[in-house]
Amino acid sequence: MFSAEWCGNCRMIRPHFYNLSEQLNNIVFVEVDVDDAEPLARSSGITCMPTFHFYKRETKMGEFSGTKREKLEHLLDELQPRLGSTDSSLKTQWQRIASQDGD
C-alpha cells in the first residue's frame, strides 16, 4: 500500500490492510510511505493515496486506489492464487528497497 501519514483515507484503511496481512499468510503486504520513498512512488506512477499494487515477483498483477474494503478484498480473493508466495525474505527485501529510495 502506498500511503502517507498525513493522508486521512490511508489512516482509515490502514487497520483493515494490516488485518488482511495477518489473515493472508501466503501474501507479502508492504506499506510504503510516499514521503519517505518519493522516488519509488514516482517510478510506480502513484498519483493518489492509498494505492495498492499487486505483484508476483516483478510482474504487476493488479492495482486499486481508494478505501473500499470490499473492492480490496475482492481483488485479493481474485488474485490470491496467482499472488501467493512462501518466500519470507520478500518482505525484508521490499522494506530495504523502500528505505533506500527514501535516502
PDB file of N, CA and C in Angstrom:
ATOM      1  N   MET A   1       0.848  -1.168   0.000  1.00  0.00           N
ATOM      2  CA  MET A   1       0.000   0.000   0.000  1.00  0.00           C
ATOM      3  C   MET A   1       0.898   1.236   0.000  1.00  0.00           C
ATOM      4  N   PHE A   2       0.679   2.105  -0.949  1.00  0.00           N
ATOM      5  CA  PHE A   2       1.344   3.400  -0.966  1.00  0.00           C
ATOM      6  C   PHE A   2       0.462   4.348  -0.164  1.00  0.00           C
ATOM      7  N   SER A   3       1.070   4.995   0.835  1.00  0.00           N
ATOM      8  CA  SER A   3       0.305   5.838   1.746  1.00  0.00           C
ATOM      9  C   SER A   3       1.170   6.990   2.236  1.00  0.00           C
ATOM     10  N   ALA A   4       0.586   7.795   3.119  1.00  0.00           N
ATOM     11  CA  ALA A   4       1.314   8.876   3.779  1.00  0.00           C
ATOM     12  C   ALA A   4       0.691   9.078   5.156  1.00  0.00           C
ATOM     13  N   GLU A   5       1.489   9.499   6.093  1.00  0.00           N
ATOM     14  CA  GLU A   5       0.995   9.728   7.458  1.00  0.00           C
ATOM     15  C   GLU A   5      -0.111  10.774   7.501  1.00  0.00           C
ATOM     16  N   TRP A   6      -0.020  11.792   6.651  1.00  0.00           N
ATOM     17  CA  TRP A   6      -0.982  12.881   6.659  1.00  0.00           C
ATOM     18  C   TRP A   6      -2.267  12.559   5.903  1.00  0.00           C
ATOM     19  N   CYS A   7      -2.327  11.397   5.246  1.00  0.00           N
ATOM     20  CA  CYS A   7      -3.463  11.017   4.412  1.00  0.00           C
ATOM     21  C   CYS A   7      -4.584  10.403   5.258  1.00  0.00           C
ATOM     22  N   GLY A   8      -5.705  11.105   5.364  1.00  0.00           N
ATOM     23  CA  GLY A   8      -6.832  10.626   6.162  1.00  0.00           C
ATOM     24  C   GLY A   8      -7.399   9.308   5.648  1.00  0.00           C
ATOM     25  N   ASN A   9      -7.518   9.165   4.324  1.00  0.00           N
ATOM     26  CA  ASN A   9      -8.022   7.911   3.763  1.00  0.00           C
ATOM     27  C   ASN A   9      -7.080   6.749   4.055  1.00  0.00           C
ATOM     28  N   CYS A  10      -5.780   7.020   4.065  1.00  0.00           N
ATOM     29  CA  CYS A  10      -4.800   5.974   4.382  1.00  0.00           C
ATOM     30  C   CYS A  10      -4.965   5.519   5.831  1.00  0.00           C
ATOM     31  N   ARG A  11      -5.155   6.480   6.723  1.00  0.00           N
ATOM     32  CA  ARG A  11      -5.354   6.137   8.141  1.00  0.00           C
ATOM     33  C   ARG A  11      -6.634   5.325   8.324  1.00  0.00           C
ATOM     34  N   MET A  12      -7.639   5.621   7.483  1.00  0.00           N
ATOM     35  CA  MET A  12      -8.914   4.927   7.599  1.00  0.00           C
ATOM     36  C   MET A  12      -8.795   3.449   7.193  1.00  0.00           C
ATOM     37  N   ILE A  13      -8.052   3.145   6.136  1.00  0.00           N
ATOM     38  CA  ILE A  13      -7.988   1.763   5.652  1.00  0.00           C
ATOM     39  C   ILE A  13      -6.809   0.974   6.234  1.00  0.00           C
ATOM     40  N   ARG A  14      -5.850   1.670   6.828  1.00  0.00           N
ATOM     41  CA  ARG A  14      -4.648   1.003   7.351  1.00  0.00           C
ATOM     42  C   ARG A  14      -4.957  -0.166   8.294  1.00  0.00           C
ATOM     43  N   PRO A  15      -5.847  -0.026   9.287  1.00  0.00           N
ATOM     44  CA  PRO A  15      -6.119  -1.173  10.168  1.00  0.00           C
ATOM     45  C   PRO A  15      -6.643  -2.392   9.406  1.00  0.00           C
ATOM     46  N   HIS A  16      -7.485  -2.155   8.415  1.00  0.00           N
ATOM     47  CA  HIS A  16      -8.017  -3.266   7.614  1.00  0.00           C
ATOM     48  C   HIS A  16      -6.901  -3.916   6.800  1.00  0.00           C
ATOM     49  N   PHE A  17      -6.018  -3.096   6.244  1.00  0.00           N
ATOM     50  CA  PHE A  17      -4.869  -3.594   5.489  1.00  0.00           C
ATOM     51  C   PHE A  17      -4.012  -4.515   6.367  1.00  0.00           C
ATOM     52  N   TYR A  18      -3.742  -4.082   7.594  1.00  0.00           N
ATOM     53  CA  TYR A  18      -2.928  -4.905   8.493  1.00  0.00           C
ATOM     54  C   TYR A  18      -3.672  -6.154   8.952  1.00  0.00           C
ATOM     55  N   ASN A  19      -4.999  -6.073   9.128  1.00  0.00           N
ATOM     56  CA  ASN A  19      -5.773  -7.278   9.449  1.00  0.00           C
ATOM     57  C   ASN A  19      -5.692  -8.292   8.316  1.00  0.00           C
ATOM     58  N   LEU A  20      -5.815  -7.824   7.085  1.00  0.00           N
ATOM     59  CA  LEU A  20      -5.698  -8.717   5.939  1.00  0.00           C
ATOM     60  C   LEU A  20      -4.315  -9.353   5.878  1.00  0.00           C
ATOM     61  N   SER A  21      -3.296  -8.581   6.213  1.00  0.00           N
ATOM     62  CA  SER A  21      -1.923  -9.122   6.162  1.00  0.00           C
ATOM     63  C   SER A  21      -1.733 -10.252   7.172  1.00  0.00           C
ATOM     64  N   GLU A  22      -2.455 -10.196   8.284  1.00  0.00           N
ATOM     65  CA  GLU A  22      -2.377 -11.266   9.277  1.00  0.00           C
ATOM     66  C   GLU A  22      -3.179 -12.492   8.846  1.00  0.00           C
ATOM     67  N   GLN A  23      -4.254 -12.275   8.108  1.00  0.00           N
ATOM     68  CA  GLN A  23      -5.108 -13.376   7.672  1.00  0.00           C
ATOM     69  C   GLN A  23      -4.544 -14.123   6.472  1.00  0.00           C
ATOM     70  N   LEU A  24      -3.914 -13.408   5.552  1.00  0.00           N
ATOM     71  CA  LEU A  24      -3.430 -13.999   4.307  1.00  0.00           C
ATOM     72  C   LEU A  24      -1.918 -14.202   4.394  1.00  0.00           C
ATOM     73  N   ASN A  25      -1.509 -15.278   5.002  1.00  0.00           N
ATOM     74  CA  ASN A  25      -0.091 -15.525   5.279  1.00  0.00           C
ATOM     75  C   ASN A  25       0.740 -15.792   4.034  1.00  0.00           C
ATOM     76  N   ASN A  26       0.108 -16.173   2.945  1.00  0.00           N
ATOM     77  CA  ASN A  26       0.866 -16.510   1.741  1.00  0.00           C
ATOM     78  C   ASN A  26       1.122 -15.309   0.834  1.00  0.00           C
ATOM     79  N   ILE A  27       0.686 -14.121   1.275  1.00  0.00           N
ATOM     80  CA  ILE A  27       0.924 -12.895   0.513  1.00  0.00           C
ATOM     81  C   ILE A  27       1.724 -11.936   1.380  1.00  0.00           C
ATOM     82  N   VAL A  28       2.708 -11.300   0.777  1.00  0.00           N
ATOM     83  CA  VAL A  28       3.527 -10.313   1.483  1.00  0.00           C
ATOM     84  C   VAL A  28       2.866  -8.946   1.331  1.00  0.00           C
ATOM     85  N   PHE A  29       2.530  -8.319   2.449  1.00  0.00           N
ATOM     86  CA  PHE A  29       1.935  -6.985   2.462  1.00  0.00           C
ATOM     87  C   PHE A  29       3.016  -5.991   2.880  1.00  0.00           C
ATOM     88  N   VAL A  30       3.126  -4.902   2.134  1.00  0.00           N
ATOM     89  CA  VAL A  30       4.128  -3.879   2.429  1.00  0.00           C
ATOM     90  C   VAL A  30       3.463  -2.512   2.346  1.00  0.00           C
ATOM     91  N   GLU A  31       3.742  -1.655   3.321  1.00  0.00           N
ATOM     92  CA  GLU A  31       3.272  -0.277   3.262  1.00  0.00           C
ATOM     93  C   GLU A  31       4.457   0.612   2.940  1.00  0.00           C
ATOM     94  N   VAL A  32       4.290   1.461   1.935  1.00  0.00           N
ATOM     95  CA  VAL A  32       5.340   2.379   1.504  1.00  0.00           C
ATOM     96  C   VAL A  32       4.844   3.800   1.744  1.00  0.00           C
ATOM     97  N   ASP A  33       5.549   4.544   2.576  1.00  0.00           N
ATOM     98  CA  ASP A  33       5.215   5.947   2.814  1.00  0.00           C
ATOM     99  C   ASP A  33       5.794   6.759   1.659  1.00  0.00           C
ATOM    100  N   VAL A  34       4.922   7.431   0.908  1.00  0.00           N
ATOM    101  CA  VAL A  34       5.369   8.151  -0.286  1.00  0.00           C
ATOM    102  C   VAL A  34       6.311   9.304   0.042  1.00  0.00           C
ATOM    103  N   ASP A  35       6.221   9.829   1.236  1.00  0.00           N
ATOM    104  CA  ASP A  35       7.129  10.905   1.626  1.00  0.00           C
ATOM    105  C   ASP A  35       8.522  10.366   1.946  1.00  0.00           C
ATOM    106  N   ASP A  36       8.588   9.153   2.475  1.00  0.00           N
ATOM    107  CA  ASP A  36       9.873   8.537   2.795  1.00  0.00           C
ATOM    108  C   ASP A  36      10.513   7.866   1.589  1.00  0.00           C
ATOM    109  N   ALA A  37       9.709   7.493   0.605  1.00  0.00           N
ATOM    110  CA  ALA A  37      10.214   6.780  -0.571  1.00  0.00           C
ATOM    111  C   ALA A  37       9.670   7.438  -1.844  1.00  0.00           C
ATOM    112  N   GLU A  38       9.903   8.733  -1.949  1.00  0.00           N
ATOM    113  CA  GLU A  38       9.379   9.502  -3.071  1.00  0.00           C
ATOM    114  C   GLU A  38       9.822   8.976  -4.438  1.00  0.00           C
ATOM    115  N   PRO A  39      11.105   8.612  -4.634  1.00  0.00           N
ATOM    116  CA  PRO A  39      11.498   8.083  -5.947  1.00  0.00           C
ATOM    117  C   PRO A  39      10.749   6.794  -6.314  1.00  0.00           C
ATOM    118  N   LEU A  40      10.532   5.918  -5.348  1.00  0.00           N
ATOM    119  CA  LEU A  40       9.799   4.676  -5.604  1.00  0.00           C
ATOM    120  C   LEU A  40       8.344   4.981  -5.957  1.00  0.00           C
ATOM    121  N   ALA A  41       7.729   5.892  -5.224  1.00  0.00           N
ATOM    122  CA  ALA A  41       6.342   6.272  -5.509  1.00  0.00           C
ATOM    123  C   ALA A  41       6.233   6.889  -6.901  1.00  0.00           C
ATOM    124  N   ARG A  42       7.166   7.738  -7.238  1.00  0.00           N
ATOM    125  CA  ARG A  42       7.162   8.386  -8.556  1.00  0.00           C
ATOM    126  C   ARG A  42       7.331   7.356  -9.670  1.00  0.00           C
ATOM    127  N   SER A  43       8.310   6.456  -9.516  1.00  0.00           N
ATOM    128  CA  SER A  43       8.559   5.455 -10.557  1.00  0.00           C
ATOM    129  C   SER A  43       7.421   4.439 -10.647  1.00  0.00           C
ATOM    130  N   SER A  44       6.624   4.319  -9.594  1.00  0.00           N
ATOM    131  CA  SER A  44       5.478   3.409  -9.600  1.00  0.00           C
ATOM    132  C   SER A  44       4.213   4.080 -10.114  1.00  0.00           C
ATOM    133  N   GLY A  45       4.314   5.373 -10.434  1.00  0.00           N
ATOM    134  CA  GLY A  45       3.183   6.093 -11.003  1.00  0.00           C
ATOM    135  C   GLY A  45       2.082   6.418 -10.006  1.00  0.00           C
ATOM    136  N   ILE A  46       2.448   6.600  -8.747  1.00  0.00           N
ATOM    137  CA  ILE A  46       1.455   6.893  -7.722  1.00  0.00           C
ATOM    138  C   ILE A  46       0.979   8.336  -7.869  1.00  0.00           C
ATOM    139  N   THR A  47      -0.337   8.500  -8.043  1.00  0.00           N
ATOM    140  CA  THR A  47      -0.915   9.839  -8.185  1.00  0.00           C
ATOM    141  C   THR A  47      -1.942  10.131  -7.104  1.00  0.00           C
ATOM    142  N   CYS A  48      -2.374   9.109  -6.366  1.00  0.00           N
ATOM    143  CA  CYS A  48      -3.308   9.323  -5.266  1.00  0.00           C
ATOM    144  C   CYS A  48      -3.079   8.228  -4.222  1.00  0.00           C
ATOM    145  N   MET A  49      -3.596   8.476  -3.030  1.00  0.00           N
ATOM    146  CA  MET A  49      -3.407   7.517  -1.947  1.00  0.00           C
ATOM    147  C   MET A  49      -4.712   7.312  -1.210  1.00  0.00           C
ATOM    148  N   PRO A  50      -4.880   6.128  -0.684  1.00  0.00           N
ATOM    149  CA  PRO A  50      -3.988   4.975  -0.774  1.00  0.00           C
ATOM    150  C   PRO A  50      -4.105   4.294  -2.143  1.00  0.00           C
ATOM    151  N   THR A  51      -2.991   3.758  -2.599  1.00  0.00           N
ATOM    152  CA  THR A  51      -2.943   2.962  -3.826  1.00  0.00           C
ATOM    153  C   THR A  51      -2.311   1.626  -3.490  1.00  0.00           C
ATOM    154  N   PHE A  52      -2.925   0.574  -3.978  1.00  0.00           N
ATOM    155  CA  PHE A  52      -2.449  -0.784  -3.741  1.00  0.00           C
ATOM    156  C   PHE A  52      -1.964  -1.370  -5.059  1.00  0.00           C
ATOM    157  N   HIS A  53      -0.743  -1.872  -5.058  1.00  0.00           N
ATOM    158  CA  HIS A  53      -0.209  -2.581  -6.215  1.00  0.00           C
ATOM    159  C   HIS A  53      -0.033  -4.036  -5.811  1.00  0.00           C
ATOM    160  N   PHE A  54      -0.332  -4.925  -6.746  1.00  0.00           N
ATOM    161  CA  PHE A  54      -0.221  -6.356  -6.503  1.00  0.00           C
ATOM    162  C   PHE A  54       0.809  -6.918  -7.475  1.00  0.00           C
ATOM    163  N   TYR A  55       1.866  -7.524  -6.919  1.00  0.00           N
ATOM    164  CA  TYR A  55       2.948  -8.058  -7.733  1.00  0.00           C
ATOM    165  C   TYR A  55       3.171  -9.536  -7.469  1.00  0.00           C
ATOM    166  N   LYS A  56       3.601 -10.220  -8.510  1.00  0.00           N
ATOM    167  CA  LYS A  56       4.150 -11.570  -8.371  1.00  0.00           C
ATOM    168  C   LYS A  56       5.550 -11.428  -8.933  1.00  0.00           C
ATOM    169  N   ARG A  57       6.513 -11.534  -8.044  1.00  0.00           N
ATOM    170  CA  ARG A  57       7.907 -11.246  -8.364  1.00  0.00           C
ATOM    171  C   ARG A  57       7.980  -9.813  -8.895  1.00  0.00           C
ATOM    172  N   GLU A  58       8.378  -9.598 -10.132  1.00  0.00           N
ATOM    173  CA  GLU A  58       8.478  -8.233 -10.654  1.00  0.00           C
ATOM    174  C   GLU A  58       7.328  -7.864 -11.583  1.00  0.00           C
ATOM    175  N   THR A  59       6.347  -8.740 -11.721  1.00  0.00           N
ATOM    176  CA  THR A  59       5.237  -8.504 -12.637  1.00  0.00           C
ATOM    177  C   THR A  59       4.029  -7.953 -11.882  1.00  0.00           C
ATOM    178  N   LYS A  60       3.562  -6.793 -12.313  1.00  0.00           N
ATOM    179  CA  LYS A  60       2.372  -6.215 -11.682  1.00  0.00           C
ATOM    180  C   LYS A  60       1.148  -7.009 -12.137  1.00  0.00           C
ATOM    181  N   MET A  61       0.376  -7.483 -11.146  1.00  0.00           N
ATOM    182  CA  MET A  61      -0.787  -8.312 -11.410  1.00  0.00           C
ATOM    183  C   MET A  61      -2.099  -7.520 -11.264  1.00  0.00           C
ATOM    184  N   GLY A  62      -2.049  -6.376 -10.591  1.00  0.00           N
ATOM    185  CA  GLY A  62      -3.252  -5.591 -10.394  1.00  0.00           C
ATOM    186  C   GLY A  62      -2.974  -4.309  -9.653  1.00  0.00           C
ATOM    187  N   GLU A  63      -3.983  -3.446  -9.609  1.00  0.00           N
ATOM    188  CA  GLU A  63      -3.854  -2.148  -8.938  1.00  0.00           C
ATOM    189  C   GLU A  63      -5.238  -1.690  -8.484  1.00  0.00           C
ATOM    190  N   PHE A  64      -5.252  -0.975  -7.375  1.00  0.00           N
ATOM    191  CA  PHE A  64      -6.501  -0.433  -6.843  1.00  0.00           C
ATOM    192  C   PHE A  64      -6.166   0.816  -6.040  1.00  0.00           C
ATOM    193  N   SER A  65      -6.935   1.877  -6.230  1.00  0.00           N
ATOM    194  CA  SER A  65      -6.786   3.091  -5.435  1.00  0.00           C
ATOM    195  C   SER A  65      -8.106   3.370  -4.732  1.00  0.00           C
ATOM    196  N   GLY A  66      -8.025   3.723  -3.458  1.00  0.00           N
ATOM    197  CA  GLY A  66      -9.223   4.068  -2.718  1.00  0.00           C
ATOM    198  C   GLY A  66      -9.338   3.339  -1.400  1.00  0.00           C
ATOM    199  N   THR A  67     -10.503   3.484  -0.777  1.00  0.00           N
ATOM    200  CA  THR A  67     -10.690   2.937   0.566  1.00  0.00           C
ATOM    201  C   THR A  67     -11.828   1.924   0.646  1.00  0.00           C
ATOM    202  N   LYS A  68     -12.318   1.442  -0.474  1.00  0.00           N
ATOM    203  CA  LYS A  68     -13.408   0.467  -0.450  1.00  0.00           C
ATOM    204  C   LYS A  68     -12.867  -0.905  -0.057  1.00  0.00           C
ATOM    205  N   ARG A  69     -13.141  -1.279   1.188  1.00  0.00           N
ATOM    206  CA  ARG A  69     -12.651  -2.553   1.711  1.00  0.00           C
ATOM    207  C   ARG A  69     -13.110  -3.725   0.863  1.00  0.00           C
ATOM    208  N   GLU A  70     -14.376  -3.690   0.437  1.00  0.00           N
ATOM    209  CA  GLU A  70     -14.926  -4.793  -0.344  1.00  0.00           C
ATOM    210  C   GLU A  70     -14.165  -4.981  -1.653  1.00  0.00           C
ATOM    211  N   LYS A  71     -13.805  -3.880  -2.293  1.00  0.00           N
ATOM    212  CA  LYS A  71     -13.067  -3.965  -3.557  1.00  0.00           C
ATOM    213  C   LYS A  71     -11.664  -4.527  -3.315  1.00  0.00           C
ATOM    214  N   LEU A  72     -11.013  -4.077  -2.254  1.00  0.00           N
ATOM    215  CA  LEU A  72      -9.693  -4.597  -1.917  1.00  0.00           C
ATOM    216  C   LEU A  72      -9.764  -6.096  -1.639  1.00  0.00           C
ATOM    217  N   GLU A  73     -10.746  -6.507  -0.844  1.00  0.00           N
ATOM    218  CA  GLU A  73     -10.912  -7.929  -0.532  1.00  0.00           C
ATOM    219  C   GLU A  73     -11.224  -8.736  -1.782  1.00  0.00           C
ATOM    220  N   HIS A  74     -12.073  -8.202  -2.652  1.00  0.00           N
ATOM    221  CA  HIS A  74     -12.419  -8.902  -3.882  1.00  0.00           C
ATOM    222  C   HIS A  74     -11.180  -9.110  -4.755  1.00  0.00           C
ATOM    223  N   LEU A  75     -10.385  -8.052  -4.909  1.00  0.00           N
ATOM    224  CA  LEU A  75      -9.163  -8.180  -5.715  1.00  0.00           C
ATOM    225  C   LEU A  75      -8.203  -9.193  -5.105  1.00  0.00           C
ATOM    226  N   LEU A  76      -8.054  -9.166  -3.792  1.00  0.00           N
ATOM    227  CA  LEU A  76      -7.175 -10.136  -3.137  1.00  0.00           C
ATOM    228  C   LEU A  76      -7.693 -11.559  -3.333  1.00  0.00           C
ATOM    229  N   ASP A  77      -9.004 -11.756  -3.199  1.00  0.00           N
ATOM    230  CA  ASP A  77      -9.588 -13.081  -3.425  1.00  0.00           C
ATOM    231  C   ASP A  77      -9.335 -13.551  -4.852  1.00  0.00           C
ATOM    232  N   GLU A  78      -9.515 -12.632  -5.785  1.00  0.00           N
ATOM    233  CA  GLU A  78      -9.351 -12.955  -7.194  1.00  0.00           C
ATOM    234  C   GLU A  78      -7.888 -13.250  -7.537  1.00  0.00           C
ATOM    235  N   LEU A  79      -6.984 -12.475  -6.964  1.00  0.00           N
ATOM    236  CA  LEU A  79      -5.566 -12.599  -7.315  1.00  0.00           C
ATOM    237  C   LEU A  79      -4.788 -13.561  -6.423  1.00  0.00           C
ATOM    238  N   GLN A  80      -5.325 -13.903  -5.269  1.00  0.00           N
ATOM    239  CA  GLN A  80      -4.568 -14.688  -4.292  1.00  0.00           C
ATOM    240  C   GLN A  80      -3.926 -15.950  -4.875  1.00  0.00           C
ATOM    241  N   PRO A  81      -4.641 -16.744  -5.674  1.00  0.00           N
ATOM    242  CA  PRO A  81      -3.982 -17.943  -6.203  1.00  0.00           C
ATOM    243  C   PRO A  81      -2.753 -17.624  -7.048  1.00  0.00           C
ATOM    244  N   ARG A  82      -2.760 -16.458  -7.693  1.00  0.00           N
ATOM    245  CA  ARG A  82      -1.616 -16.069  -8.531  1.00  0.00           C
ATOM    246  C   ARG A  82      -0.570 -15.261  -7.771  1.00  0.00           C
ATOM    247  N   LEU A  83      -0.938 -14.667  -6.614  1.00  0.00           N
ATOM    248  CA  LEU A  83      -0.008 -13.816  -5.871  1.00  0.00           C
ATOM    249  C   LEU A  83       0.777 -14.565  -4.813  1.00  0.00           C
ATOM    250  N   GLY A  84       0.235 -15.624  -4.301  1.00  0.00           N
ATOM    251  CA  GLY A  84       0.801 -16.312  -3.145  1.00  0.00           C
ATOM    252  C   GLY A  84       2.291 -16.541  -3.250  1.00  0.00           C
ATOM    253  N   SER A  85       2.971 -16.365  -2.127  1.00  0.00           N
ATOM    254  CA  SER A  85       4.416 -16.561  -2.049  1.00  0.00           C
ATOM    255  C   SER A  85       4.756 -17.143  -0.691  1.00  0.00           C
ATOM    256  N   THR A  86       5.703 -18.033  -0.676  1.00  0.00           N
ATOM    257  CA  THR A  86       6.158 -18.583   0.596  1.00  0.00           C
ATOM    258  C   THR A  86       7.543 -18.067   0.937  1.00  0.00           C
ATOM    259  N   ASP A  87       8.040 -17.144   0.146  1.00  0.00           N
ATOM    260  CA  ASP A  87       9.388 -16.611   0.356  1.00  0.00           C
ATOM    261  C   ASP A  87       9.334 -15.505   1.402  1.00  0.00           C
ATOM    262  N   SER A  88       9.677 -15.842   2.643  1.00  0.00           N
ATOM    263  CA  SER A  88       9.585 -14.871   3.740  1.00  0.00           C
ATOM    264  C   SER A  88      10.605 -13.746   3.622  1.00  0.00           C
ATOM    265  N   SER A  89      11.606 -13.903   2.772  1.00  0.00           N
ATOM    266  CA  SER A  89      12.601 -12.840   2.622  1.00  0.00           C
ATOM    267  C   SER A  89      12.076 -11.690   1.769  1.00  0.00           C
ATOM    268  N   LEU A  90      10.955 -11.883   1.060  1.00  0.00           N
ATOM    269  CA  LEU A  90      10.433 -10.830   0.202  1.00  0.00           C
ATOM    270  C   LEU A  90      10.064  -9.576   0.974  1.00  0.00           C
ATOM    271  N   LYS A  91       9.449  -9.733   2.138  1.00  0.00           N
ATOM    272  CA  LYS A  91       9.036  -8.574   2.929  1.00  0.00           C
ATOM    273  C   LYS A  91      10.252  -7.745   3.327  1.00  0.00           C
ATOM    274  N   THR A  92      11.299  -8.405   3.786  1.00  0.00           N
ATOM    275  CA  THR A  92      12.535  -7.720   4.152  1.00  0.00           C
ATOM    276  C   THR A  92      13.135  -7.029   2.940  1.00  0.00           C
ATOM    277  N   GLN A  93      13.088  -7.703   1.789  1.00  0.00           N
ATOM    278  CA  GLN A  93      13.636  -7.153   0.554  1.00  0.00           C
ATOM    279  C   GLN A  93      12.892  -5.862   0.174  1.00  0.00           C
ATOM    280  N   TRP A  94      11.563  -5.867   0.221  1.00  0.00           N
ATOM    281  CA  TRP A  94      10.782  -4.681  -0.112  1.00  0.00           C
ATOM    282  C   TRP A  94      11.025  -3.554   0.877  1.00  0.00           C
ATOM    283  N   GLN A  95      11.123  -3.887   2.163  1.00  0.00           N
ATOM    284  CA  GLN A  95      11.373  -2.853   3.162  1.00  0.00           C
ATOM    285  C   GLN A  95      12.726  -2.197   2.919  1.00  0.00           C
ATOM    286  N   ARG A  96      13.716  -2.992   2.539  1.00  0.00           N
ATOM    287  CA  ARG A  96      15.046  -2.461   2.250  1.00  0.00           C
ATOM    288  C   ARG A  96      14.992  -1.546   1.030  1.00  0.00           C
ATOM    289  N   ILE A  97      14.296  -1.954  -0.022  1.00  0.00           N
ATOM    290  CA  ILE A  97      14.170  -1.139  -1.230  1.00  0.00           C
ATOM    291  C   ILE A  97      13.491   0.185  -0.917  1.00  0.00           C
ATOM    292  N   ALA A  98      12.384   0.134  -0.164  1.00  0.00           N
ATOM    293  CA  ALA A  98      11.635   1.348   0.167  1.00  0.00           C
ATOM    294  C   ALA A  98      12.501   2.303   0.992  1.00  0.00           C
ATOM    295  N   SER A  99      13.272   1.776   1.950  1.00  0.00           N
ATOM    296  CA  SER A  99      14.089   2.646   2.794  1.00  0.00           C
ATOM    297  C   SER A  99      15.256   3.228   1.998  1.00  0.00           C
ATOM    298  N   GLN A 100      15.803   2.499   1.030  1.00  0.00           N
ATOM    299  CA  GLN A 100      16.895   3.015   0.199  1.00  0.00           C
ATOM    300  C   GLN A 100      16.398   4.134  -0.701  1.00  0.00           C
ATOM    301  N   ASP A 101      15.206   3.974  -1.254  1.00  0.00           N
ATOM    302  CA  ASP A 101      14.661   5.001  -2.134  1.00  0.00           C
ATOM    303  C   ASP A 101      14.344   6.287  -1.374  1.00  0.00           C
ATOM    304  N   GLY A 102      14.142   6.163  -0.064  1.00  0.00           N
ATOM    305  CA  GLY A 102      13.852   7.340   0.740  1.00  0.00           C
ATOM    306  C   GLY A 102      15.089   8.116   1.132  1.00  0.00           C
ATOM    307  N   ASP A 103      16.268   7.558   0.879  1.00  0.00           N
ATOM    308  CA  ASP A 103      17.529   8.235   1.262  1.00  0.00           C
ATOM    309  C   ASP A 103      17.843   9.398   0.363  1.00  0.00           C
TER     310      ASP A 103
END
